[in-house]
Amino acid sequence: MLQSLGNDTLADQLLRIACEPDLRQGLYDRLGEYCHQCRNRLNSLKLSLYLIMRHSSGIANRPWESIDRLYQDLERRIDQIQTLCRPLRLSPVTLGLDLLIDDRREGWESLLGRSGKTLVIARPTDRAVVGFDVEWLGQGLDAFVAWRASVSGGSVATVRWWAELGLVHLVWEESGVPIQLAGALSSEIDALWAFPLLARIILAHHGEFRLQLDSGYRLEMTWPTVPSSP
């Protein structure tokens, strides 16, 4: 489901790319080789930075540390472009979704707590054993939680999930919070990418999402409980 995020044109355009296969493919046709060449050059630069920093110390090392941070930002941006545009090859496994949530819960609580938010985990009555790609879904949720943590103002964020009628439902709810995209991530651009990248990952699971902004923030993600063939 394509829906405006409400207050940022760039985020809306990124979400549109995530949701429209033809647009994604067109961009990948134009950017795929460019991103591949960039990654090759970045890998060479990474090795050079590592060797320089290894043989530097103290004050002499500070300029290289600054360059290394810029390098990491550029590498992350290339990764975001590739994740949004290229075909995602999922490796789904069948597990209890609670294992993924519990594995990340402590980190999410710490991140949200810094911005005055509280995380509530609402477990289902029947354990939801479903199919999903652990690595991709975990990365998408981590980026999403970091975005929500960057939004100022205290609130209670509730995560709930369940499986029924062949579908798994994963819901994130906040009440009475402002919907804004800038915040305390390593850069505001990361915040703009967070939701479109999660949407891309959910769609790659042959799923859907419903975003409601009228009374707070509610995102419901659904996908088949049994992994589908690519």
C-alpha atoms as a PDB file:
ATOM      1  CA  MET A   1       0.000   0.000   0.000  1.00  0.00           C
ATOM      2  CA  LEU A   2       1.551   3.271  -1.152  1.00  0.00           C
ATOM      3  CA  GLN A   3       0.890   6.164   1.198  1.00  0.00           C
ATOM      4  CA  SER A   4       2.551   9.510   1.722  1.00  0.00           C
ATOM      5  CA  LEU A   5       4.570   9.857   4.900  1.00  0.00           C
ATOM      6  CA  GLY A   6       3.062  13.285   5.195  1.00  0.00           C
ATOM      7  CA  ASN A   7       5.834  15.835   5.351  1.00  0.00           C
ATOM      8  CA  ASP A   8       8.870  14.946   3.289  1.00  0.00           C
ATOM      9  CA  THR A   9       9.045  14.754  -0.492  1.00  0.00           C
ATOM     10  CA  LEU A  10      12.263  12.724  -0.593  1.00  0.00           C
ATOM     11  CA  ALA A  11      10.875  10.082   1.773  1.00  0.00           C
ATOM     12  CA  ASP A  12       7.711   9.867  -0.331  1.00  0.00           C
ATOM     13  CA  GLN A  13       9.758   9.321  -3.488  1.00  0.00           C
ATOM     14  CA  LEU A  14      11.871   6.639  -1.837  1.00  0.00           C
ATOM     15  CA  LEU A  15       8.700   4.896  -0.681  1.00  0.00           C
ATOM     16  CA  ARG A  16       7.328   5.063  -4.207  1.00  0.00           C
ATOM     17  CA  ILE A  17      10.477   3.376  -5.520  1.00  0.00           C
ATOM     18  CA  ALA A  18      10.121   0.648  -2.881  1.00  0.00           C
ATOM     19  CA  CYS A  19       6.518  -0.044  -3.924  1.00  0.00           C
ATOM     20  CA  GLU A  20       6.703   0.095  -7.730  1.00  0.00           C
ATOM     21  CA  PRO A  21       8.574  -2.831  -9.354  1.00  0.00           C
ATOM     22  CA  ASP A  22       8.854  -1.206 -12.789  1.00  0.00           C
ATOM     23  CA  LEU A  23      10.321   1.974 -11.336  1.00  0.00           C
ATOM     24  CA  ARG A  24      12.748  -0.045  -9.200  1.00  0.00           C
ATOM     25  CA  GLN A  25      13.887  -2.070 -12.193  1.00  0.00           C
ATOM     26  CA  GLY A  26      14.382   1.047 -14.307  1.00  0.00           C
ATOM     27  CA  LEU A  27      16.544   2.628 -11.628  1.00  0.00           C
ATOM     28  CA  TYR A  28      18.494  -0.577 -11.122  1.00  0.00           C
ATOM     29  CA  ASP A  29      19.174  -0.801 -14.855  1.00  0.00           C
ATOM     30  CA  ARG A  30      20.696   2.677 -14.700  1.00  0.00           C
ATOM     31  CA  LEU A  31      22.370   2.569 -11.287  1.00  0.00           C
ATOM     32  CA  GLY A  32      23.271  -1.074 -10.789  1.00  0.00           C
ATOM     33  CA  GLU A  33      26.602  -1.047 -12.613  1.00  0.00           C
ATOM     34  CA  TYR A  34      27.489   2.361 -11.184  1.00  0.00           C
ATOM     35  CA  CYS A  35      26.894   1.120  -7.626  1.00  0.00           C
ATOM     36  CA  HIS A  36      28.937  -2.005  -8.365  1.00  0.00           C
ATOM     37  CA  GLN A  37      31.893   0.072  -9.551  1.00  0.00           C
ATOM     38  CA  CYS A  38      31.554   2.365  -6.533  1.00  0.00           C
ATOM     39  CA  ARG A  39      31.692  -0.607  -4.186  1.00  0.00           C
ATOM     40  CA  ASN A  40      34.838  -1.914  -5.870  1.00  0.00           C
ATOM     41  CA  ARG A  41      36.580   1.430  -5.446  1.00  0.00           C
ATOM     42  CA  LEU A  42      35.325   1.785  -1.887  1.00  0.00           C
ATOM     43  CA  ASN A  43      36.754  -1.632  -1.030  1.00  0.00           C
ATOM     44  CA  SER A  44      40.158  -0.485  -2.263  1.00  0.00           C
ATOM     45  CA  LEU A  45      39.836   2.736  -0.284  1.00  0.00           C
ATOM     46  CA  LYS A  46      38.827   0.819   2.821  1.00  0.00           C
ATOM     47  CA  LEU A  47      41.978  -1.263   2.673  1.00  0.00           C
ATOM     48  CA  SER A  48      44.118   1.848   2.192  1.00  0.00           C
ATOM     49  CA  LEU A  49      42.466   3.592   5.158  1.00  0.00           C
ATOM     50  CA  TYR A  50      42.986   0.533   7.309  1.00  0.00           C
ATOM     51  CA  LEU A  51      46.702   0.362   6.506  1.00  0.00           C
ATOM     52  CA  ILE A  52      47.203   4.106   7.088  1.00  0.00           C
ATOM     53  CA  MET A  53      45.329   4.125  10.406  1.00  0.00           C
ATOM     54  CA  ARG A  54      47.152   1.014  11.562  1.00  0.00           C
ATOM     55  CA  HIS A  55      50.505   2.784  11.201  1.00  0.00           C
ATOM     56  CA  SER A  56      49.323   6.117  12.625  1.00  0.00           C
ATOM     57  CA  SER A  57      48.616   7.020  16.216  1.00  0.00           C
ATOM     58  CA  GLY A  58      47.553   9.906  18.422  1.00  0.00           C
ATOM     59  CA  ILE A  59      47.160  13.315  16.811  1.00  0.00           C
ATOM     60  CA  ALA A  60      48.506  12.088  13.478  1.00  0.00           C
ATOM     61  CA  ASN A  61      45.620   9.632  13.236  1.00  0.00           C
ATOM     62  CA  ARG A  62      42.770  12.138  13.742  1.00  0.00           C
ATOM     63  CA  PRO A  63      42.445  13.327  10.107  1.00  0.00           C
ATOM     64  CA  TRP A  64      42.228   9.724   8.942  1.00  0.00           C
ATOM     65  CA  GLU A  65      39.525   8.957  11.500  1.00  0.00           C
ATOM     66  CA  SER A  66      37.459  11.810  10.074  1.00  0.00           C
ATOM     67  CA  ILE A  67      37.974  10.491   6.547  1.00  0.00           C
ATOM     68  CA  ASP A  68      37.038   6.994   7.720  1.00  0.00           C
ATOM     69  CA  ARG A  69      33.709   8.299   9.077  1.00  0.00           C
ATOM     70  CA  LEU A  70      32.980   9.953   5.733  1.00  0.00           C
ATOM     71  CA  TYR A  71      33.870   6.692   4.024  1.00  0.00           C
ATOM     72  CA  GLN A  72      31.423   4.775   6.214  1.00  0.00           C
ATOM     73  CA  ASP A  73      28.643   7.257   5.397  1.00  0.00           C
ATOM     74  CA  LEU A  74      29.286   6.834   1.674  1.00  0.00           C
ATOM     75  CA  GLU A  75      29.400   3.047   1.957  1.00  0.00           C
ATOM     76  CA  ARG A  76      26.088   3.044   3.847  1.00  0.00           C
ATOM     77  CA  ARG A  77      24.478   5.244   1.216  1.00  0.00           C
ATOM     78  CA  ILE A  78      25.513   2.874  -1.588  1.00  0.00           C
ATOM     79  CA  ASP A  79      24.116  -0.047   0.440  1.00  0.00           C
ATOM     80  CA  GLN A  80      20.806   1.796   0.854  1.00  0.00           C
ATOM     81  CA  ILE A  81      20.516   2.475  -2.875  1.00  0.00           C
ATOM     82  CA  GLN A  82      21.261  -1.146  -3.714  1.00  0.00           C
ATOM     83  CA  THR A  83      18.831  -2.491  -1.123  1.00  0.00           C
ATOM     84  CA  LEU A  84      16.045  -0.269  -2.413  1.00  0.00           C
ATOM     85  CA  CYS A  85      16.554  -0.948  -6.121  1.00  0.00           C
ATOM     86  CA  ARG A  86      18.106  -4.345  -6.760  1.00  0.00           C
ATOM     87  CA  PRO A  87      16.277  -7.687  -6.570  1.00  0.00           C
ATOM     88  CA  LEU A  88      16.437  -9.026  -3.016  1.00  0.00           C
ATOM     89  CA  ARG A  89      17.394 -12.677  -2.731  1.00  0.00           C
ATOM     90  CA  LEU A  90      15.787 -13.862   0.471  1.00  0.00           C
ATOM     91  CA  SER A  91      16.771 -16.960   2.428  1.00  0.00           C
ATOM     92  CA  PRO A  92      13.642 -17.568   4.512  1.00  0.00           C
ATOM     93  CA  VAL A  93      13.587 -19.953   7.458  1.00  0.00           C
ATOM     94  CA  THR A  94      10.670 -21.066   9.609  1.00  0.00           C
ATOM     95  CA  LEU A  95      11.059 -19.806  13.181  1.00  0.00           C
ATOM     96  CA  GLY A  96       9.094 -18.273  15.986  1.00  0.00           C
ATOM     97  CA  LEU A  97       8.957 -14.545  15.306  1.00  0.00           C
ATOM     98  CA  ASP A  98       9.534 -14.032  19.025  1.00  0.00           C
ATOM     99  CA  LEU A  99      13.147 -15.210  18.580  1.00  0.00           C
ATOM    100  CA  LEU A 100      13.855 -12.260  16.284  1.00  0.00           C
ATOM    101  CA  ILE A 101      12.097  -9.783  18.595  1.00  0.00           C
ATOM    102  CA  ASP A 102      13.752 -11.092  21.757  1.00  0.00           C
ATOM    103  CA  ASP A 103      17.188 -11.043  20.146  1.00  0.00           C
ATOM    104  CA  ARG A 104      16.836  -7.318  19.481  1.00  0.00           C
ATOM    105  CA  ARG A 105      14.660  -6.231  22.368  1.00  0.00           C
ATOM    106  CA  GLU A 106      17.439  -5.019  24.671  1.00  0.00           C
ATOM    107  CA  GLY A 107      19.026  -2.890  21.952  1.00  0.00           C
ATOM    108  CA  TRP A 108      15.664  -1.418  20.959  1.00  0.00           C
ATOM    109  CA  GLU A 109      14.785  -0.583  24.566  1.00  0.00           C
ATOM    110  CA  SER A 110      18.112   1.182  25.051  1.00  0.00           C
ATOM    111  CA  LEU A 111      17.752   3.173  21.825  1.00  0.00           C
ATOM    112  CA  LEU A 112      14.155   4.216  22.474  1.00  0.00           C
ATOM    113  CA  GLY A 113      14.883   4.997  26.114  1.00  0.00           C
ATOM    114  CA  ARG A 114      17.395   7.683  25.134  1.00  0.00           C
ATOM    115  CA  SER A 115      14.574   9.648  23.506  1.00  0.00           C
ATOM    116  CA  GLY A 116      12.131   9.121  26.379  1.00  0.00           C
ATOM    117  CA  LYS A 117      10.192   6.282  24.790  1.00  0.00           C
ATOM    118  CA  THR A 118       9.082   3.013  26.363  1.00  0.00           C
ATOM    119  CA  LEU A 119       8.880  -0.275  24.478  1.00  0.00           C
ATOM    120  CA  VAL A 120       6.071  -2.737  25.254  1.00  0.00           C
ATOM    121  CA  ILE A 121       6.180  -6.258  23.817  1.00  0.00           C
ATOM    122  CA  ALA A 122       2.684  -7.777  23.446  1.00  0.00           C
ATOM    123  CA  ARG A 123       3.157 -11.483  22.821  1.00  0.00           C
ATOM    124  CA  PRO A 124       0.517 -13.593  21.068  1.00  0.00           C
ATOM    125  CA  THR A 125      -1.412 -16.305  22.876  1.00  0.00           C
ATOM    126  CA  ASP A 126      -0.215 -18.874  20.347  1.00  0.00           C
ATOM    127  CA  ARG A 127       3.416 -18.658  19.316  1.00  0.00           C
ATOM    128  CA  ALA A 128       3.727 -17.476  15.704  1.00  0.00           C
ATOM    129  CA  VAL A 129       6.070 -19.886  13.907  1.00  0.00           C
ATOM    130  CA  VAL A 130       6.385 -18.399  10.434  1.00  0.00           C
ATOM    131  CA  GLY A 131       8.718 -18.001   7.474  1.00  0.00           C
ATOM    132  CA  PHE A 132      10.979 -14.969   7.099  1.00  0.00           C
ATOM    133  CA  ASP A 133      14.523 -13.949   6.221  1.00  0.00           C
ATOM    134  CA  VAL A 134      16.180 -13.334   9.576  1.00  0.00           C
ATOM    135  CA  GLU A 135      18.972 -11.091   8.295  1.00  0.00           C
ATOM    136  CA  TRP A 136      16.910  -8.846   6.021  1.00  0.00           C
ATOM    137  CA  LEU A 137      13.908  -8.477   8.306  1.00  0.00           C
ATOM    138  CA  GLY A 138      16.191  -7.833  11.275  1.00  0.00           C
ATOM    139  CA  GLN A 139      18.072  -5.108   9.405  1.00  0.00           C
ATOM    140  CA  GLY A 140      14.841  -3.473   8.289  1.00  0.00           C
ATOM    141  CA  LEU A 141      13.355  -3.455  11.783  1.00  0.00           C
ATOM    142  CA  ASP A 142      16.583  -2.134  13.315  1.00  0.00           C
ATOM    143  CA  ALA A 143      16.600   0.808  10.897  1.00  0.00           C
ATOM    144  CA  PHE A 144      12.898   1.430  11.540  1.00  0.00           C
ATOM    145  CA  VAL A 145      13.332   1.435  15.337  1.00  0.00           C
ATOM    146  CA  ALA A 146      16.309   3.800  15.028  1.00  0.00           C
ATOM    147  CA  TRP A 147      14.095   6.170  13.048  1.00  0.00           C
ATOM    148  CA  ARG A 148      11.292   6.032  15.605  1.00  0.00           C
ATOM    149  CA  ALA A 149      13.833   6.607  18.381  1.00  0.00           C
ATOM    150  CA  SER A 150      15.038   9.726  16.562  1.00  0.00           C
ATOM    151  CA  VAL A 151      11.583  11.347  16.829  1.00  0.00           C
ATOM    152  CA  SER A 152      11.599  13.625  19.869  1.00  0.00           C
ATOM    153  CA  GLY A 153       9.016  13.340  22.628  1.00  0.00           C
ATOM    154  CA  GLY A 154       8.159  10.553  25.038  1.00  0.00           C
ATOM    155  CA  SER A 155       5.648   7.910  24.057  1.00  0.00           C
ATOM    156  CA  VAL A 156       4.894   4.226  24.457  1.00  0.00           C
ATOM    157  CA  ALA A 157       5.689   2.019  21.478  1.00  0.00           C
ATOM    158  CA  THR A 158       3.876  -1.315  21.415  1.00  0.00           C
ATOM    159  CA  VAL A 159       4.992  -4.241  19.257  1.00  0.00           C
ATOM    160  CA  ARG A 160       2.547  -7.073  18.711  1.00  0.00           C
ATOM    161  CA  TRP A 161       2.413  -9.996  16.301  1.00  0.00           C
ATOM    162  CA  TRP A 162       0.254 -13.020  15.529  1.00  0.00           C
ATOM    163  CA  ALA A 163      -0.430 -15.549  12.783  1.00  0.00           C
ATOM    164  CA  GLU A 164      -3.825 -16.434  11.363  1.00  0.00           C
ATOM    165  CA  LEU A 165      -5.351 -17.618   8.086  1.00  0.00           C
ATOM    166  CA  GLY A 166      -1.955 -18.156   6.479  1.00  0.00           C
ATOM    167  CA  LEU A 167      -0.629 -14.685   7.252  1.00  0.00           C
ATOM    168  CA  VAL A 168       1.680 -13.265   9.900  1.00  0.00           C
ATOM    169  CA  HIS A 169       0.865  -9.799  11.249  1.00  0.00           C
ATOM    170  CA  LEU A 170       3.516  -7.568  12.817  1.00  0.00           C
ATOM    171  CA  VAL A 171       2.303  -4.244  14.243  1.00  0.00           C
ATOM    172  CA  TRP A 172       4.124  -1.199  15.639  1.00  0.00           C
ATOM    173  CA  GLU A 173       1.916   1.360  17.413  1.00  0.00           C
ATOM    174  CA  GLU A 174       2.576   4.736  19.043  1.00  0.00           C
ATOM    175  CA  SER A 175      -0.130   7.089  20.268  1.00  0.00           C
ATOM    176  CA  GLY A 176      -0.119  10.860  20.189  1.00  0.00           C
ATOM    177  CA  VAL A 177       3.352  11.356  18.729  1.00  0.00           C
ATOM    178  CA  PRO A 178       4.461  13.809  16.028  1.00  0.00           C
ATOM    179  CA  ILE A 179       5.350  12.226  12.703  1.00  0.00           C
ATOM    180  CA  GLN A 180       8.662  13.714  11.706  1.00  0.00           C
ATOM    181  CA  LEU A 181      11.617  12.279   9.848  1.00  0.00           C
ATOM    182  CA  ALA A 182      14.557  14.311  11.108  1.00  0.00           C
ATOM    183  CA  GLY A 183      16.246  13.311  14.299  1.00  0.00           C
ATOM    184  CA  ALA A 184      19.196  11.904  16.135  1.00  0.00           C
ATOM    185  CA  LEU A 185      20.389   9.262  13.706  1.00  0.00           C
ATOM    186  CA  SER A 186      23.953   9.457  12.392  1.00  0.00           C
ATOM    187  CA  SER A 187      22.465  11.634   9.674  1.00  0.00           C
ATOM    188  CA  GLU A 188      18.973  12.844   8.807  1.00  0.00           C
ATOM    189  CA  ILE A 189      19.267  11.047   5.466  1.00  0.00           C
ATOM    190  CA  ASP A 190      19.312   7.711   7.330  1.00  0.00           C
ATOM    191  CA  ALA A 191      15.951   8.613   8.856  1.00  0.00           C
ATOM    192  CA  LEU A 192      14.495   9.349   5.426  1.00  0.00           C
ATOM    193  CA  TRP A 193      15.553   5.909   4.160  1.00  0.00           C
ATOM    194  CA  ALA A 194      14.423   3.858   7.184  1.00  0.00           C
ATOM    195  CA  PHE A 195      10.745   3.266   6.363  1.00  0.00           C
ATOM    196  CA  PRO A 196      11.139   2.857   2.568  1.00  0.00           C
ATOM    197  CA  LEU A 197      13.831   0.206   3.143  1.00  0.00           C
ATOM    198  CA  LEU A 198      11.610  -1.708   5.587  1.00  0.00           C
ATOM    199  CA  ALA A 199       8.745  -1.498   3.111  1.00  0.00           C
ATOM    200  CA  ARG A 200      11.026  -2.891   0.401  1.00  0.00           C
ATOM    201  CA  ILE A 201      11.942  -5.865   2.601  1.00  0.00           C
ATOM    202  CA  ILE A 202       8.307  -6.598   3.504  1.00  0.00           C
ATOM    203  CA  LEU A 203       7.289  -6.473  -0.149  1.00  0.00           C
ATOM    204  CA  ALA A 204      10.135  -8.860  -0.989  1.00  0.00           C
ATOM    205  CA  HIS A 205       8.478 -11.302   1.429  1.00  0.00           C
ATOM    206  CA  HIS A 206       5.373 -11.051  -0.826  1.00  0.00           C
ATOM    207  CA  GLY A 207       3.774  -9.002   1.924  1.00  0.00           C
ATOM    208  CA  GLU A 208       1.875  -5.760   2.390  1.00  0.00           C
ATOM    209  CA  PHE A 209       1.896  -2.886   4.852  1.00  0.00           C
ATOM    210  CA  ARG A 210      -0.688  -0.448   6.158  1.00  0.00           C
ATOM    211  CA  LEU A 211       0.410   2.876   7.568  1.00  0.00           C
ATOM    212  CA  GLN A 212      -1.969   5.025   9.654  1.00  0.00           C
ATOM    213  CA  LEU A 213      -0.965   8.504  10.798  1.00  0.00           C
ATOM    214  CA  ASP A 214      -4.298  10.002  11.812  1.00  0.00           C
ATOM    215  CA  SER A 215      -4.059   9.354  15.570  1.00  0.00           C
ATOM    216  CA  GLY A 216      -0.419   8.708  16.321  1.00  0.00           C
ATOM    217  CA  TYR A 217       1.545   6.138  14.384  1.00  0.00           C
ATOM    218  CA  ARG A 218       0.489   2.617  13.435  1.00  0.00           C
ATOM    219  CA  LEU A 219       2.289   0.355  10.982  1.00  0.00           C
ATOM    220  CA  GLU A 220       0.948  -3.124  10.273  1.00  0.00           C
ATOM    221  CA  MET A 221       3.032  -5.509   8.162  1.00  0.00           C
ATOM    222  CA  THR A 222       1.694  -8.803   6.834  1.00  0.00           C
ATOM    223  CA  TRP A 223       3.237 -11.595   4.770  1.00  0.00           C
ATOM    224  CA  PRO A 224       2.552 -15.306   4.147  1.00  0.00           C
ATOM    225  CA  THR A 225       3.427 -17.632   7.022  1.00  0.00           C
ATOM    226  CA  VAL A 226       4.853 -20.149   4.528  1.00  0.00           C
ATOM    227  CA  PRO A 227       7.828 -18.829   2.517  1.00  0.00           C
ATOM    228  CA  SER A 228       7.104 -18.450  -1.187  1.00  0.00           C
ATOM    229  CA  SER A 229       9.445 -19.410  -3.977  1.00  0.00           C
ATOM    230  CA  PRO A 230      11.335 -16.440  -5.529  1.00  0.00           C
END
